[in-house]
C-alpha atoms as a PDB file:
ATOM      1  CA  MET A   1      -7.249 -18.919  -3.924  1.00  0.00           C
ATOM      2  CA  ILE A   2      -8.839 -16.027  -2.076  1.00  0.00           C
ATOM      3  CA  PHE A   3      -9.416 -12.891  -4.162  1.00  0.00           C
ATOM      4  CA  GLY A   4      -6.846 -14.193  -6.637  1.00  0.00           C
ATOM      5  CA  PHE A   5      -4.090 -14.635  -4.057  1.00  0.00           C
ATOM      6  CA  ALA A   6      -2.581 -17.887  -2.833  1.00  0.00           C
ATOM      7  CA  GLU A   7      -2.377 -18.652   0.868  1.00  0.00           C
ATOM      8  CA  ALA A   8       1.405 -18.201   0.863  1.00  0.00           C
ATOM      9  CA  GLN A   9       1.083 -14.722  -0.664  1.00  0.00           C
ATOM     10  CA  ILE A  10      -1.464 -13.671   1.966  1.00  0.00           C
ATOM     11  CA  SER A  11       0.757 -15.030   4.759  1.00  0.00           C
ATOM     12  CA  THR A  12       3.808 -13.214   3.422  1.00  0.00           C
ATOM     13  CA  PHE A  13       1.864  -9.965   3.141  1.00  0.00           C
ATOM     14  CA  GLY A  14       0.536 -10.329   6.682  1.00  0.00           C
ATOM     15  CA  LEU A  15       3.967 -11.111   8.081  1.00  0.00           C
ATOM     16  CA  THR A  16       5.670  -8.168   6.433  1.00  0.00           C
ATOM     17  CA  PHE A  17       3.159  -5.335   6.324  1.00  0.00           C
ATOM     18  CA  GLY A  18       0.756  -6.471   9.039  1.00  0.00           C
ATOM     19  CA  ILE A  19       3.379  -6.986  11.705  1.00  0.00           C
ATOM     20  CA  ALA A  20       5.264  -3.860  10.604  1.00  0.00           C
ATOM     21  CA  ALA A  21       2.084  -1.820  11.085  1.00  0.00           C
ATOM     22  CA  PHE A  22       1.548  -3.441  14.480  1.00  0.00           C
ATOM     23  CA  MET A  23       5.131  -2.616  15.475  1.00  0.00           C
ATOM     24  CA  LEU A  24       4.636   1.039  14.517  1.00  0.00           C
ATOM     25  CA  TYR A  25       1.480   1.086  16.615  1.00  0.00           C
ATOM     26  CA  MET A  26       3.422  -0.397  19.543  1.00  0.00           C
ATOM     27  CA  LEU A  27       6.020   2.375  19.193  1.00  0.00           C
ATOM     28  CA  PHE A  28       3.187   4.910  19.319  1.00  0.00           C
ATOM     29  CA  ILE A  29       1.867   3.297  22.518  1.00  0.00           C
ATOM     30  CA  ILE A  30       5.333   3.349  24.128  1.00  0.00           C
ATOM     31  CA  GLY A  31       5.704   7.030  23.206  1.00  0.00           C
ATOM     32  CA  GLN A  32       2.278   7.767  24.645  1.00  0.00           C
ATOM     33  CA  LEU A  33       3.253   6.004  27.890  1.00  0.00           C
ATOM     34  CA  ALA A  34       6.427   8.075  28.111  1.00  0.00           C
ATOM     35  CA  TRP A  35       4.508  11.292  27.412  1.00  0.00           C
ATOM     36  CA  GLU A  36       1.732  10.667  29.945  1.00  0.00           C
ATOM     37  CA  SER A  37       4.138   9.580  32.682  1.00  0.00           C
ATOM     38  CA  LYS A  38       6.435  12.594  32.046  1.00  0.00           C
ATOM     39  CA  ALA A  39       9.352  10.178  31.942  1.00  0.00           C
ATOM     40  CA  GLY A  40      11.971  12.640  30.701  1.00  0.00           C
ATOM     41  CA  LYS A  41      14.706  11.876  28.199  1.00  0.00           C
ATOM     42  CA  LEU A  42      16.357   9.018  30.076  1.00  0.00           C
ATOM     43  CA  GLY A  43      13.045   7.463  31.082  1.00  0.00           C
ATOM     44  CA  THR A  44      11.765   7.639  27.524  1.00  0.00           C
ATOM     45  CA  PHE A  45      14.966   6.036  26.277  1.00  0.00           C
ATOM     46  CA  VAL A  46      14.669   3.240  28.838  1.00  0.00           C
ATOM     47  CA  LEU A  47      11.015   2.656  27.921  1.00  0.00           C
ATOM     48  CA  PHE A  48      11.790   2.408  24.229  1.00  0.00           C
ATOM     49  CA  ILE A  49      14.770   0.105  24.812  1.00  0.00           C
ATOM     50  CA  SER A  50      13.081  -2.209  27.295  1.00  0.00           C
ATOM     51  CA  LEU A  51       9.618  -2.397  25.734  1.00  0.00           C
ATOM     52  CA  GLY A  52      10.834  -2.253  22.141  1.00  0.00           C
ATOM     53  CA  PHE A  53      13.568  -4.852  22.588  1.00  0.00           C
ATOM     54  CA  GLY A  54      11.377  -7.694  21.321  1.00  0.00           C
ATOM     55  CA  MET A  55      10.951  -5.961  17.987  1.00  0.00           C
ATOM     56  CA  THR A  56      14.663  -6.114  17.229  1.00  0.00           C
ATOM     57  CA  GLY A  57      14.565  -9.901  16.847  1.00  0.00           C
ATOM     58  CA  PHE A  58      11.860  -9.713  14.204  1.00  0.00           C
ATOM     59  CA  ILE A  59      13.648  -6.925  12.354  1.00  0.00           C
ATOM     60  CA  ALA A  60      16.950  -8.819  12.499  1.00  0.00           C
ATOM     61  CA  LYS A  61      15.220 -11.941  11.139  1.00  0.00           C
ATOM     62  CA  GLN A  62      13.862 -10.005   8.173  1.00  0.00           C
ATOM     63  CA  ILE A  63      17.266  -8.471   7.427  1.00  0.00           C
ATOM     64  CA  ILE A  64      19.026 -11.849   7.665  1.00  0.00           C
ATOM     65  CA  GLN A  65      16.443 -13.479   5.368  1.00  0.00           C
ATOM     66  CA  TRP A  66      16.789 -10.659   2.850  1.00  0.00           C
ATOM     67  CA  TYR A  67      20.597 -10.937   2.932  1.00  0.00           C
ATOM     68  CA  LEU A  68      20.582 -14.723   2.470  1.00  0.00           C
ATOM     69  CA  THR A  69      18.089 -14.691  -0.412  1.00  0.00           C
ATOM     70  CA  ARG A  70      19.799 -11.835  -2.221  1.00  0.00           C
END
């Protein structure tokens, strides 16, 4: 027990909120890259799709887990 929380509770919190915060920060970085490179609409879209593609797997996993445990 750390600060009254079990290890499983801390891991669950880190996986949900910690990684979600990190993903939002990654979206900010991708937007900053698009802005500084003056990528335009299509270039910005391609940057978000290509660099943000890895996030879709994690989001899909969370949605599938929520649906199966519901």
